[in-house]
Amino acid sequence: MKKLITILLITAVMLLVGSFSAPTQAQSPASDVKPTFISLTPGLYVHGWPAFTVSYPKEWVEQPLRPGVGMVFFVAAPKTFPPVPSFVVYVFPNPLPIDNWSKIVVPSLTAMGRDIKIVYDKPSQLKDGAPAQEGEIEWVRNEGVKLNMLVLTTSKDNLWIMITFQSDKGKIGEDLKNYAYSLSFQQGREEPVKVPPDIRAFLDKFCSDIVSYDVEKIMTNYSDQYLLFGMKKANIEKFFRNYPGSPTQRGVKSYEATVTIFEAQGDKAYVDGFFTSKTSDDAKAVEASMFNGWIIKENGQWKWYGNQK
C-alpha cells in the first residue's frame, strides 16, 4: 500500500503544474447538459464520471491540456500569456486524506517557481455538505511574476477532485471562491446506461484482455491514432508493461466496465464511466477507476481513440 501511495503521489506531482482565475458571477450548474468534452457550455464545466459540475467566468477561453492524467479542464482569461488568471480542474486517484493536498501541489510548483508559501490551510465543506479542504498559496514564477493560488480539494470514492484558481492580483477574493464552491455532484447522472451490442462486446473484450495480462493483446484495442493528453499508443503500452500502478502490474483478478454516458457520432462514439477491479478474493476489495473519451471503428473493430477532438 505504501508503494502504491508513493506512486500515486509522484504521478500527481508530475501532473499538477497548471495556472488559474478572476471575477464574474457564477452561473447555476445544470444537470441536463452534456459533459464538457462532448459539448462546451461557456461558464460551466461538466464532468462525466464522477458526475459533477463547477462554474467559471464564462468569457474565459479553453486552454490546451498538459500531458498526463489529472488535468481535465483548463481555461484562462482571453489574450493572456502566461495564461493567468486561470481556472483548472483536476481529477486523479489518491488514497490519502484530502488535507494532504499541499504535499502534491507544493512540489509541483518548485519546478516553475520559488518562494512558495502556504497562506492558510483549513477544513471546509461544499454546499451539499461534502468534506473539502481549502488552501491558498503565494509563490513567484521563475519569470518573476508573483501569484496567489486558491486550491479547493474534495474526494469521491478513491478520486481527488481539485479546483484551482490562480491570479496575479494578490489575495484570492470571495468572488473566485464562489466559483470553486459552485462544485456540485450530480447523483442522477451516474446510473449505468445501455450501449449497442458491438460496443458492449468491445468493452468486454478489453476487460478480458486486461485480466489475461497479455500486453500485445491489450494493445489491439487501441487505435494507432490514439492520443490522450499528449500520450500516444506507445506510451500506453509502456504503462501496461512497466508502471506498477497499472492493472496488469497489480495483477487484477477481475475487470469490468460500466458506462454512464454514451453518444454515437458516425464512426466514433463517446463513452464515459468507470472500471471496477479486484486484486484479491476479498469481496470488499473493489477498486474503481474512471474512463472517458472517444472510441473509433476501424476495419469493423472498435478501438480506444483517446480524448482528442
C-alpha atoms as a PDB file:
ATOM      1  CA  MET A   1       0.000   0.000   0.000  1.00  0.00           C
ATOM      2  CA  LYS A   2       2.827   2.440   0.877  1.00  0.00           C
ATOM      3  CA  LYS A   3       4.401   1.747  -2.505  1.00  0.00           C
ATOM      4  CA  LEU A   4       1.094   2.417  -4.288  1.00  0.00           C
ATOM      5  CA  ILE A   5       0.591   5.669  -2.390  1.00  0.00           C
ATOM      6  CA  THR A   6       4.096   6.809  -3.349  1.00  0.00           C
ATOM      7  CA  ILE A   7       3.434   6.003  -6.998  1.00  0.00           C
ATOM      8  CA  LEU A   8       0.175   7.944  -6.981  1.00  0.00           C
ATOM      9  CA  LEU A   9       1.815  10.931  -5.326  1.00  0.00           C
ATOM     10  CA  ILE A  10       4.659  11.006  -7.839  1.00  0.00           C
ATOM     11  CA  THR A  11       2.159  10.781 -10.692  1.00  0.00           C
ATOM     12  CA  ALA A  12       0.046  13.595  -9.283  1.00  0.00           C
ATOM     13  CA  VAL A  13       3.065  15.842  -8.744  1.00  0.00           C
ATOM     14  CA  MET A  14       4.036  15.401 -12.373  1.00  0.00           C
ATOM     15  CA  LEU A  15       0.551  16.382 -13.493  1.00  0.00           C
ATOM     16  CA  LEU A  16      -0.350  19.307 -11.275  1.00  0.00           C
ATOM     17  CA  VAL A  17       1.620  22.072 -12.992  1.00  0.00           C
ATOM     18  CA  GLY A  18      -1.125  24.488 -14.114  1.00  0.00           C
ATOM     19  CA  SER A  19      -2.374  28.091 -13.917  1.00  0.00           C
ATOM     20  CA  PHE A  20      -5.580  29.886 -12.542  1.00  0.00           C
ATOM     21  CA  SER A  21      -8.562  32.810 -12.292  1.00  0.00           C
ATOM     22  CA  ALA A  22     -10.510  36.273 -11.989  1.00  0.00           C
ATOM     23  CA  PRO A  23     -14.006  37.582 -11.154  1.00  0.00           C
ATOM     24  CA  THR A  24     -17.515  37.318 -12.555  1.00  0.00           C
ATOM     25  CA  GLN A  25     -20.748  35.986 -11.064  1.00  0.00           C
ATOM     26  CA  ALA A  26     -21.010  32.215 -11.156  1.00  0.00           C
ATOM     27  CA  GLN A  27     -23.866  30.701 -13.110  1.00  0.00           C
ATOM     28  CA  SER A  28     -26.076  27.975 -11.694  1.00  0.00           C
ATOM     29  CA  PRO A  29     -24.889  24.459 -12.534  1.00  0.00           C
ATOM     30  CA  ALA A  30     -27.240  22.484 -14.770  1.00  0.00           C
ATOM     31  CA  SER A  31     -27.664  18.725 -14.575  1.00  0.00           C
ATOM     32  CA  ASP A  32     -29.111  18.282 -18.049  1.00  0.00           C
ATOM     33  CA  VAL A  33     -26.133  19.487 -20.095  1.00  0.00           C
ATOM     34  CA  LYS A  34     -23.629  17.202 -21.812  1.00  0.00           C
ATOM     35  CA  PRO A  35     -20.128  16.675 -20.430  1.00  0.00           C
ATOM     36  CA  THR A  36     -17.789  19.464 -21.482  1.00  0.00           C
ATOM     37  CA  PHE A  37     -15.672  17.082 -23.511  1.00  0.00           C
ATOM     38  CA  ILE A  38     -18.640  16.438 -25.823  1.00  0.00           C
ATOM     39  CA  SER A  39     -20.072  19.943 -25.893  1.00  0.00           C
ATOM     40  CA  LEU A  40     -18.681  23.081 -24.234  1.00  0.00           C
ATOM     41  CA  THR A  41     -21.112  25.207 -22.215  1.00  0.00           C
ATOM     42  CA  PRO A  42     -19.322  28.541 -21.581  1.00  0.00           C
ATOM     43  CA  GLY A  43     -19.071  29.217 -17.869  1.00  0.00           C
ATOM     44  CA  LEU A  44     -19.802  25.646 -16.777  1.00  0.00           C
ATOM     45  CA  TYR A  45     -17.529  22.628 -16.605  1.00  0.00           C
ATOM     46  CA  VAL A  46     -19.442  19.334 -16.691  1.00  0.00           C
ATOM     47  CA  HIS A  47     -17.564  16.159 -15.748  1.00  0.00           C
ATOM     48  CA  GLY A  48     -18.716  12.702 -16.788  1.00  0.00           C
ATOM     49  CA  TRP A  49     -17.833  10.244 -14.010  1.00  0.00           C
ATOM     50  CA  PRO A  50     -17.778  11.039 -11.216  1.00  0.00           C
ATOM     51  CA  ALA A  51     -20.619  13.344 -12.216  1.00  0.00           C
ATOM     52  CA  PHE A  52     -20.153  16.939 -11.115  1.00  0.00           C
ATOM     53  CA  THR A  53     -20.354  20.494 -12.395  1.00  0.00           C
ATOM     54  CA  VAL A  54     -18.464  23.638 -11.443  1.00  0.00           C
ATOM     55  CA  SER A  55     -18.785  27.209 -12.727  1.00  0.00           C
ATOM     56  CA  TYR A  56     -16.089  29.561 -14.000  1.00  0.00           C
ATOM     57  CA  PRO A  57     -16.069  33.024 -15.689  1.00  0.00           C
ATOM     58  CA  LYS A  58     -17.947  32.382 -18.926  1.00  0.00           C
ATOM     59  CA  GLU A  59     -15.800  34.732 -21.016  1.00  0.00           C
ATOM     60  CA  TRP A  60     -12.652  32.764 -20.250  1.00  0.00           C
ATOM     61  CA  VAL A  61     -11.096  30.690 -23.041  1.00  0.00           C
ATOM     62  CA  GLU A  62     -10.324  26.973 -23.053  1.00  0.00           C
ATOM     63  CA  GLN A  63      -6.592  26.162 -22.996  1.00  0.00           C
ATOM     64  CA  PRO A  64      -4.733  23.052 -24.214  1.00  0.00           C
ATOM     65  CA  LEU A  65      -4.482  20.339 -21.575  1.00  0.00           C
ATOM     66  CA  ARG A  66      -0.978  19.455 -20.485  1.00  0.00           C
ATOM     67  CA  PRO A  67       0.328  15.902 -20.925  1.00  0.00           C
ATOM     68  CA  GLY A  68      -0.580  13.414 -18.270  1.00  0.00           C
ATOM     69  CA  VAL A  69      -3.608  12.149 -16.407  1.00  0.00           C
ATOM     70  CA  GLY A  70      -5.084  14.564 -13.898  1.00  0.00           C
ATOM     71  CA  MET A  71      -5.751  17.898 -15.591  1.00  0.00           C
ATOM     72  CA  VAL A  72      -9.186  17.530 -17.181  1.00  0.00           C
ATOM     73  CA  PHE A  73     -10.102  21.170 -17.872  1.00  0.00           C
ATOM     74  CA  PHE A  74      -8.149  24.411 -18.201  1.00  0.00           C
ATOM     75  CA  VAL A  75      -9.456  27.908 -19.022  1.00  0.00           C
ATOM     76  CA  ALA A  76      -7.927  31.364 -18.679  1.00  0.00           C
ATOM     77  CA  ALA A  77      -8.757  34.995 -19.278  1.00  0.00           C
ATOM     78  CA  PRO A  78      -8.513  35.737 -23.027  1.00  0.00           C
ATOM     79  CA  LYS A  79      -5.330  37.114 -24.585  1.00  0.00           C
ATOM     80  CA  THR A  80      -3.087  36.490 -21.584  1.00  0.00           C
ATOM     81  CA  PHE A  81       0.373  34.966 -21.604  1.00  0.00           C
ATOM     82  CA  PRO A  82       1.208  33.187 -19.470  1.00  0.00           C
ATOM     83  CA  PRO A  83      -2.471  32.204 -19.026  1.00  0.00           C
ATOM     84  CA  VAL A  84      -3.147  33.994 -15.716  1.00  0.00           C
ATOM     85  CA  PRO A  85      -5.717  34.489 -14.275  1.00  0.00           C
ATOM     86  CA  SER A  86      -6.913  30.951 -14.891  1.00  0.00           C
ATOM     87  CA  PHE A  87      -9.026  28.033 -13.660  1.00  0.00           C
ATOM     88  CA  VAL A  88      -8.080  24.352 -13.707  1.00  0.00           C
ATOM     89  CA  VAL A  89      -9.933  21.160 -12.774  1.00  0.00           C
ATOM     90  CA  TYR A  90      -8.004  18.022 -11.804  1.00  0.00           C
ATOM     91  CA  VAL A  91      -9.385  14.537 -11.192  1.00  0.00           C
ATOM     92  CA  PHE A  92      -6.941  11.796 -10.188  1.00  0.00           C
ATOM     93  CA  PRO A  93      -6.707   8.716  -7.936  1.00  0.00           C
ATOM     94  CA  ASN A  94      -5.255   9.261  -4.477  1.00  0.00           C
ATOM     95  CA  PRO A  95      -5.860   7.180  -1.335  1.00  0.00           C
ATOM     96  CA  LEU A  96      -4.607   9.888   1.038  1.00  0.00           C
ATOM     97  CA  PRO A  97      -6.866  12.218   3.089  1.00  0.00           C
ATOM     98  CA  ILE A  98      -7.548  15.498   1.272  1.00  0.00           C
ATOM     99  CA  ASP A  99      -5.744  17.527   3.940  1.00  0.00           C
ATOM    100  CA  ASN A 100      -2.547  16.238   2.300  1.00  0.00           C
ATOM    101  CA  TRP A 101      -3.163  18.429  -0.775  1.00  0.00           C
ATOM    102  CA  SER A 102      -0.089  20.602  -0.153  1.00  0.00           C
ATOM    103  CA  LYS A 103       2.190  17.542  -0.386  1.00  0.00           C
ATOM    104  CA  ILE A 104       1.170  17.319  -4.027  1.00  0.00           C
ATOM    105  CA  VAL A 105       0.724  20.953  -5.058  1.00  0.00           C
ATOM    106  CA  VAL A 106       3.815  22.489  -3.434  1.00  0.00           C
ATOM    107  CA  PRO A 107       6.337  20.076  -5.033  1.00  0.00           C
ATOM    108  CA  SER A 108       4.689  20.636  -8.417  1.00  0.00           C
ATOM    109  CA  LEU A 109       5.306  24.384  -8.144  1.00  0.00           C
ATOM    110  CA  THR A 110       9.003  24.053  -7.332  1.00  0.00           C
ATOM    111  CA  ALA A 111       9.653  23.172 -10.972  1.00  0.00           C
ATOM    112  CA  MET A 112       8.229  26.518 -12.090  1.00  0.00           C
ATOM    113  CA  GLY A 113       8.978  28.979  -9.311  1.00  0.00           C
ATOM    114  CA  ARG A 114      10.268  29.864  -5.863  1.00  0.00           C
ATOM    115  CA  ASP A 115       9.325  31.497  -2.538  1.00  0.00           C
ATOM    116  CA  ILE A 116       6.380  29.135  -2.132  1.00  0.00           C
ATOM    117  CA  LYS A 117       4.319  29.940   0.971  1.00  0.00           C
ATOM    118  CA  ILE A 118       1.075  28.424   2.238  1.00  0.00           C
ATOM    119  CA  VAL A 119      -1.061  31.403   3.301  1.00  0.00           C
ATOM    120  CA  TYR A 120      -3.636  29.196   5.023  1.00  0.00           C
ATOM    121  CA  ASP A 121      -4.903  25.618   5.035  1.00  0.00           C
ATOM    122  CA  LYS A 122      -8.252  24.757   6.617  1.00  0.00           C
ATOM    123  CA  PRO A 123     -11.022  22.142   6.509  1.00  0.00           C
ATOM    124  CA  SER A 124     -14.198  23.203   4.756  1.00  0.00           C
ATOM    125  CA  GLN A 125     -17.228  21.731   3.032  1.00  0.00           C
ATOM    126  CA  LEU A 126     -19.141  22.070  -0.205  1.00  0.00           C
ATOM    127  CA  LYS A 127     -22.687  23.445  -0.355  1.00  0.00           C
ATOM    128  CA  ASP A 128     -24.071  19.911  -0.154  1.00  0.00           C
ATOM    129  CA  GLY A 129     -22.052  19.220   2.991  1.00  0.00           C
ATOM    130  CA  ALA A 130     -19.331  17.129   1.325  1.00  0.00           C
ATOM    131  CA  PRO A 131     -15.997  17.481   3.190  1.00  0.00           C
ATOM    132  CA  ALA A 132     -13.420  19.693   1.470  1.00  0.00           C
ATOM    133  CA  GLN A 133     -10.070  21.285   2.185  1.00  0.00           C
ATOM    134  CA  GLU A 134      -9.388  24.915   1.262  1.00  0.00           C
ATOM    135  CA  GLY A 135      -5.955  26.449   0.982  1.00  0.00           C
ATOM    136  CA  GLU A 136      -4.113  29.335  -0.610  1.00  0.00           C
ATOM    137  CA  ILE A 137      -0.525  29.575  -1.793  1.00  0.00           C
ATOM    138  CA  GLU A 138       1.675  32.529  -2.628  1.00  0.00           C
ATOM    139  CA  TRP A 139       4.582  31.916  -4.944  1.00  0.00           C
ATOM    140  CA  VAL A 140       6.775  33.587  -7.551  1.00  0.00           C
ATOM    141  CA  ARG A 141       7.134  32.196 -11.059  1.00  0.00           C
ATOM    142  CA  ASN A 142      10.623  31.854 -12.494  1.00  0.00           C
ATOM    143  CA  GLU A 143       9.802  34.833 -14.738  1.00  0.00           C
ATOM    144  CA  GLY A 144       9.351  36.980 -11.617  1.00  0.00           C
ATOM    145  CA  VAL A 145       5.534  37.161 -11.558  1.00  0.00           C
ATOM    146  CA  LYS A 146       4.029  36.878  -8.061  1.00  0.00           C
ATOM    147  CA  LEU A 147       0.887  34.748  -7.925  1.00  0.00           C
ATOM    148  CA  ASN A 148      -1.772  33.646  -5.485  1.00  0.00           C
ATOM    149  CA  MET A 149      -3.419  30.258  -5.900  1.00  0.00           C
ATOM    150  CA  LEU A 150      -6.655  29.038  -4.351  1.00  0.00           C
ATOM    151  CA  VAL A 151      -6.847  25.239  -4.006  1.00  0.00           C
ATOM    152  CA  LEU A 152     -10.142  23.538  -3.131  1.00  0.00           C
ATOM    153  CA  THR A 153      -9.958  19.759  -2.780  1.00  0.00           C
ATOM    154  CA  THR A 154     -12.655  17.166  -2.212  1.00  0.00           C
ATOM    155  CA  SER A 155     -12.905  13.444  -2.922  1.00  0.00           C
ATOM    156  CA  LYS A 156     -15.298  10.815  -4.187  1.00  0.00           C
ATOM    157  CA  ASP A 157     -14.549   7.118  -3.918  1.00  0.00           C
ATOM    158  CA  ASN A 158     -10.767   6.875  -4.404  1.00  0.00           C
ATOM    159  CA  LEU A 159     -10.557  10.031  -6.547  1.00  0.00           C
ATOM    160  CA  TRP A 160      -9.463  13.518  -5.603  1.00  0.00           C
ATOM    161  CA  ILE A 161     -11.249  16.418  -7.290  1.00  0.00           C
ATOM    162  CA  MET A 162      -9.202  19.593  -7.128  1.00  0.00           C
ATOM    163  CA  ILE A 163     -10.305  23.060  -8.284  1.00  0.00           C
ATOM    164  CA  THR A 164      -7.597  25.702  -8.588  1.00  0.00           C
ATOM    165  CA  PHE A 165      -7.766  29.424  -9.289  1.00  0.00           C
ATOM    166  CA  GLN A 166      -4.663  31.480  -9.843  1.00  0.00           C
ATOM    167  CA  SER A 167      -4.341  35.255 -10.051  1.00  0.00           C
ATOM    168  CA  ASP A 168      -1.609  37.885 -10.240  1.00  0.00           C
ATOM    169  CA  LYS A 169      -3.812  40.433  -8.427  1.00  0.00           C
ATOM    170  CA  GLY A 170      -2.997  39.452  -4.844  1.00  0.00           C
ATOM    171  CA  LYS A 171      -5.039  37.527  -2.291  1.00  0.00           C
ATOM    172  CA  ILE A 172      -7.875  35.442  -3.735  1.00  0.00           C
ATOM    173  CA  GLY A 173     -11.234  37.149  -3.156  1.00  0.00           C
ATOM    174  CA  GLU A 174     -14.670  35.779  -2.357  1.00  0.00           C
ATOM    175  CA  ASP A 175     -15.741  36.167  -5.996  1.00  0.00           C
ATOM    176  CA  LEU A 176     -13.286  33.473  -7.088  1.00  0.00           C
ATOM    177  CA  LYS A 177     -14.022  31.316  -4.068  1.00  0.00           C
ATOM    178  CA  ASN A 178     -17.688  31.347  -5.078  1.00  0.00           C
ATOM    179  CA  TYR A 179     -16.744  29.713  -8.367  1.00  0.00           C
ATOM    180  CA  ALA A 180     -14.812  26.966  -6.616  1.00  0.00           C
ATOM    181  CA  TYR A 181     -17.644  26.324  -4.162  1.00  0.00           C
ATOM    182  CA  SER A 182     -20.131  26.005  -7.017  1.00  0.00           C
ATOM    183  CA  LEU A 183     -18.792  22.435  -7.332  1.00  0.00           C
ATOM    184  CA  SER A 184     -21.857  20.206  -7.218  1.00  0.00           C
ATOM    185  CA  PHE A 185     -22.159  16.437  -7.567  1.00  0.00           C
ATOM    186  CA  GLN A 186     -24.887  15.240  -9.931  1.00  0.00           C
ATOM    187  CA  GLN A 187     -26.012  11.919  -8.492  1.00  0.00           C
ATOM    188  CA  GLY A 188     -28.643  11.240 -11.151  1.00  0.00           C
ATOM    189  CA  ARG A 189     -26.044  11.144 -13.926  1.00  0.00           C
ATOM    190  CA  GLU A 190     -24.121   8.171 -12.542  1.00  0.00           C
ATOM    191  CA  GLU A 191     -26.628   5.458 -13.384  1.00  0.00           C
ATOM    192  CA  PRO A 192     -25.448   2.817 -15.912  1.00  0.00           C
ATOM    193  CA  VAL A 193     -26.714   3.183 -19.475  1.00  0.00           C
ATOM    194  CA  LYS A 194     -27.125   0.531 -22.158  1.00  0.00           C
ATOM    195  CA  VAL A 195     -24.819   0.632 -25.160  1.00  0.00           C
ATOM    196  CA  PRO A 196     -25.118  -1.103 -28.566  1.00  0.00           C
ATOM    197  CA  PRO A 197     -24.102  -4.802 -28.558  1.00  0.00           C
ATOM    198  CA  ASP A 198     -20.916  -4.196 -30.547  1.00  0.00           C
ATOM    199  CA  ILE A 199     -19.792  -1.509 -28.080  1.00  0.00           C
ATOM    200  CA  ARG A 200     -20.529  -3.835 -25.164  1.00  0.00           C
ATOM    201  CA  ALA A 201     -18.588  -6.608 -26.879  1.00  0.00           C
ATOM    202  CA  PHE A 202     -15.610  -4.274 -27.343  1.00  0.00           C
ATOM    203  CA  LEU A 203     -15.589  -3.245 -23.678  1.00  0.00           C
ATOM    204  CA  ASP A 204     -15.951  -6.858 -22.509  1.00  0.00           C
ATOM    205  CA  LYS A 205     -13.082  -7.937 -24.779  1.00  0.00           C
ATOM    206  CA  PHE A 206     -10.875  -5.145 -23.464  1.00  0.00           C
ATOM    207  CA  CYS A 207     -11.587  -6.150 -19.863  1.00  0.00           C
ATOM    208  CA  SER A 208     -10.915  -9.799 -20.657  1.00  0.00           C
ATOM    209  CA  ASP A 209      -7.612  -8.869 -22.319  1.00  0.00           C
ATOM    210  CA  ILE A 210      -6.613  -6.853 -19.229  1.00  0.00           C
ATOM    211  CA  VAL A 211      -7.112  -9.876 -16.981  1.00  0.00           C
ATOM    212  CA  SER A 212      -5.038 -12.003 -19.375  1.00  0.00           C
ATOM    213  CA  TYR A 213      -2.006  -9.709 -18.685  1.00  0.00           C
ATOM    214  CA  ASP A 214      -1.095 -10.130 -22.365  1.00  0.00           C
ATOM    215  CA  VAL A 215       0.038  -6.613 -23.289  1.00  0.00           C
ATOM    216  CA  GLU A 216       0.194  -7.330 -27.026  1.00  0.00           C
ATOM    217  CA  LYS A 217      -3.414  -8.496 -26.913  1.00  0.00           C
ATOM    218  CA  ILE A 218      -4.417  -5.454 -24.830  1.00  0.00           C
ATOM    219  CA  MET A 219      -2.858  -3.072 -27.346  1.00  0.00           C
ATOM    220  CA  THR A 220      -5.017  -4.435 -30.182  1.00  0.00           C
ATOM    221  CA  ASN A 221      -7.819  -2.467 -28.514  1.00  0.00           C
ATOM    222  CA  TYR A 222      -6.053   0.850 -29.212  1.00  0.00           C
ATOM    223  CA  SER A 223      -6.076   2.782 -32.462  1.00  0.00           C
ATOM    224  CA  ASP A 224      -2.716   3.707 -33.988  1.00  0.00           C
ATOM    225  CA  GLN A 225      -4.140   7.264 -33.944  1.00  0.00           C
ATOM    226  CA  TYR A 226      -4.717   7.124 -30.183  1.00  0.00           C
ATOM    227  CA  LEU A 227      -3.952  10.353 -28.306  1.00  0.00           C
ATOM    228  CA  LEU A 228      -4.736  11.077 -24.631  1.00  0.00           C
ATOM    229  CA  PHE A 229      -3.393  14.248 -23.007  1.00  0.00           C
ATOM    230  CA  GLY A 230      -0.499  14.125 -25.462  1.00  0.00           C
ATOM    231  CA  MET A 231       0.213  10.429 -24.808  1.00  0.00           C
ATOM    232  CA  LYS A 232       0.289   8.106 -27.805  1.00  0.00           C
ATOM    233  CA  LYS A 233      -0.333   4.382 -28.148  1.00  0.00           C
ATOM    234  CA  ALA A 234       3.334   3.614 -27.431  1.00  0.00           C
ATOM    235  CA  ASN A 235       3.083   5.452 -24.105  1.00  0.00           C
ATOM    236  CA  ILE A 236       0.075   3.370 -23.113  1.00  0.00           C
ATOM    237  CA  GLU A 237       1.951   0.179 -23.953  1.00  0.00           C
ATOM    238  CA  LYS A 238       4.787   1.249 -21.652  1.00  0.00           C
ATOM    239  CA  PHE A 239       2.204   1.959 -18.966  1.00  0.00           C
ATOM    240  CA  PHE A 240       0.863  -1.604 -19.082  1.00  0.00           C
ATOM    241  CA  ARG A 241       4.333  -3.148 -19.276  1.00  0.00           C
ATOM    242  CA  ASN A 242       6.218  -1.106 -16.710  1.00  0.00           C
ATOM    243  CA  TYR A 243       4.023   1.072 -14.469  1.00  0.00           C
ATOM    244  CA  PRO A 244       3.489  -0.561 -11.033  1.00  0.00           C
ATOM    245  CA  GLY A 245       0.047   1.033 -10.716  1.00  0.00           C
ATOM    246  CA  SER A 246      -1.293  -0.399 -13.981  1.00  0.00           C
ATOM    247  CA  PRO A 247      -3.909  -3.189 -13.768  1.00  0.00           C
ATOM    248  CA  THR A 248      -1.554  -5.666 -15.454  1.00  0.00           C
ATOM    249  CA  GLN A 249       1.257  -4.981 -12.983  1.00  0.00           C
ATOM    250  CA  ARG A 250      -1.078  -5.038  -9.986  1.00  0.00           C
ATOM    251  CA  GLY A 251      -2.397  -8.428 -11.025  1.00  0.00           C
ATOM    252  CA  VAL A 252      -6.133  -7.703 -11.174  1.00  0.00           C
ATOM    253  CA  LYS A 253      -8.339 -10.777 -10.943  1.00  0.00           C
ATOM    254  CA  SER A 254     -11.422  -9.116 -12.410  1.00  0.00           C
ATOM    255  CA  TYR A 255     -12.045  -6.059 -14.566  1.00  0.00           C
ATOM    256  CA  GLU A 256     -15.454  -4.730 -15.607  1.00  0.00           C
ATOM    257  CA  ALA A 257     -16.617  -1.600 -17.446  1.00  0.00           C
ATOM    258  CA  THR A 258     -19.743   0.361 -16.512  1.00  0.00           C
ATOM    259  CA  VAL A 259     -20.869   3.063 -18.953  1.00  0.00           C
ATOM    260  CA  THR A 260     -22.736   6.082 -17.558  1.00  0.00           C
ATOM    261  CA  ILE A 261     -22.670   8.282 -20.685  1.00  0.00           C
ATOM    262  CA  PHE A 262     -22.747   7.194 -24.322  1.00  0.00           C
ATOM    263  CA  GLU A 263     -23.072   9.222 -27.519  1.00  0.00           C
ATOM    264  CA  ALA A 264     -22.540   7.848 -31.026  1.00  0.00           C
ATOM    265  CA  GLN A 265     -21.198  10.130 -33.750  1.00  0.00           C
ATOM    266  CA  GLY A 266     -20.702   8.221 -37.004  1.00  0.00           C
ATOM    267  CA  ASP A 267     -17.626   6.011 -36.874  1.00  0.00           C
ATOM    268  CA  LYS A 268     -16.815   7.388 -33.419  1.00  0.00           C
ATOM    269  CA  ALA A 269     -18.561   7.220 -30.074  1.00  0.00           C
ATOM    270  CA  TYR A 270     -18.044   8.924 -26.726  1.00  0.00           C
ATOM    271  CA  VAL A 271     -18.023   6.663 -23.690  1.00  0.00           C
ATOM    272  CA  ASP A 272     -17.761   7.741 -20.076  1.00  0.00           C
ATOM    273  CA  GLY A 273     -17.918   5.656 -16.931  1.00  0.00           C
ATOM    274  CA  PHE A 274     -15.740   3.546 -14.691  1.00  0.00           C
ATOM    275  CA  PHE A 275     -13.874   0.275 -14.404  1.00  0.00           C
ATOM    276  CA  THR A 276     -14.260  -1.848 -11.290  1.00  0.00           C
ATOM    277  CA  SER A 277     -11.489  -4.285 -10.455  1.00  0.00           C
ATOM    278  CA  LYS A 278     -10.347  -6.666  -7.738  1.00  0.00           C
ATOM    279  CA  THR A 279      -6.845  -7.788  -6.905  1.00  0.00           C
ATOM    280  CA  SER A 280      -7.915 -10.278  -4.241  1.00  0.00           C
ATOM    281  CA  ASP A 281     -10.768 -12.621  -3.383  1.00  0.00           C
ATOM    282  CA  ASP A 282     -11.955 -10.251  -0.661  1.00  0.00           C
ATOM    283  CA  ALA A 283     -15.484  -9.200  -1.637  1.00  0.00           C
ATOM    284  CA  LYS A 284     -14.888  -5.728  -0.189  1.00  0.00           C
ATOM    285  CA  ALA A 285     -11.630  -5.109  -2.035  1.00  0.00           C
ATOM    286  CA  VAL A 286     -13.189  -3.459  -5.093  1.00  0.00           C
ATOM    287  CA  GLU A 287     -11.404  -0.540  -6.755  1.00  0.00           C
ATOM    288  CA  ALA A 288     -12.943   1.935  -9.186  1.00  0.00           C
ATOM    289  CA  SER A 289     -11.174   3.984 -11.850  1.00  0.00           C
ATOM    290  CA  MET A 290     -12.712   6.381 -14.342  1.00  0.00           C
ATOM    291  CA  PHE A 291     -12.516   6.292 -18.120  1.00  0.00           C
ATOM    292  CA  ASN A 292     -13.756   8.809 -20.630  1.00  0.00           C
ATOM    293  CA  GLY A 293     -13.059   9.680 -24.238  1.00  0.00           C
ATOM    294  CA  TRP A 294     -13.651   8.505 -27.750  1.00  0.00           C
ATOM    295  CA  ILE A 295     -13.597   5.130 -29.394  1.00  0.00           C
ATOM    296  CA  ILE A 296     -13.343   4.747 -33.162  1.00  0.00           C
ATOM    297  CA  LYS A 297     -14.399   1.994 -35.548  1.00  0.00           C
ATOM    298  CA  GLU A 298     -11.524   0.867 -37.767  1.00  0.00           C
ATOM    299  CA  ASN A 299     -11.959  -2.006 -40.223  1.00  0.00           C
ATOM    300  CA  GLY A 300     -15.083  -3.083 -38.387  1.00  0.00           C
ATOM    301  CA  GLN A 301     -13.435  -3.112 -34.924  1.00  0.00           C
ATOM    302  CA  TRP A 302     -13.944  -0.575 -32.141  1.00  0.00           C
ATOM    303  CA  LYS A 303     -10.759   0.788 -30.577  1.00  0.00           C
ATOM    304  CA  TRP A 304      -9.807   3.359 -27.969  1.00  0.00           C
ATOM    305  CA  TYR A 305      -9.162   6.725 -29.648  1.00  0.00           C
ATOM    306  CA  GLY A 306      -8.354   8.955 -26.663  1.00  0.00           C
ATOM    307  CA  ASN A 307      -9.583  12.418 -25.753  1.00  0.00           C
ATOM    308  CA  GLN A 308      -8.606  14.226 -28.948  1.00  0.00           C
ATOM    309  CA  LYS A 309     -11.349  16.239 -30.606  1.00  0.00           C
END
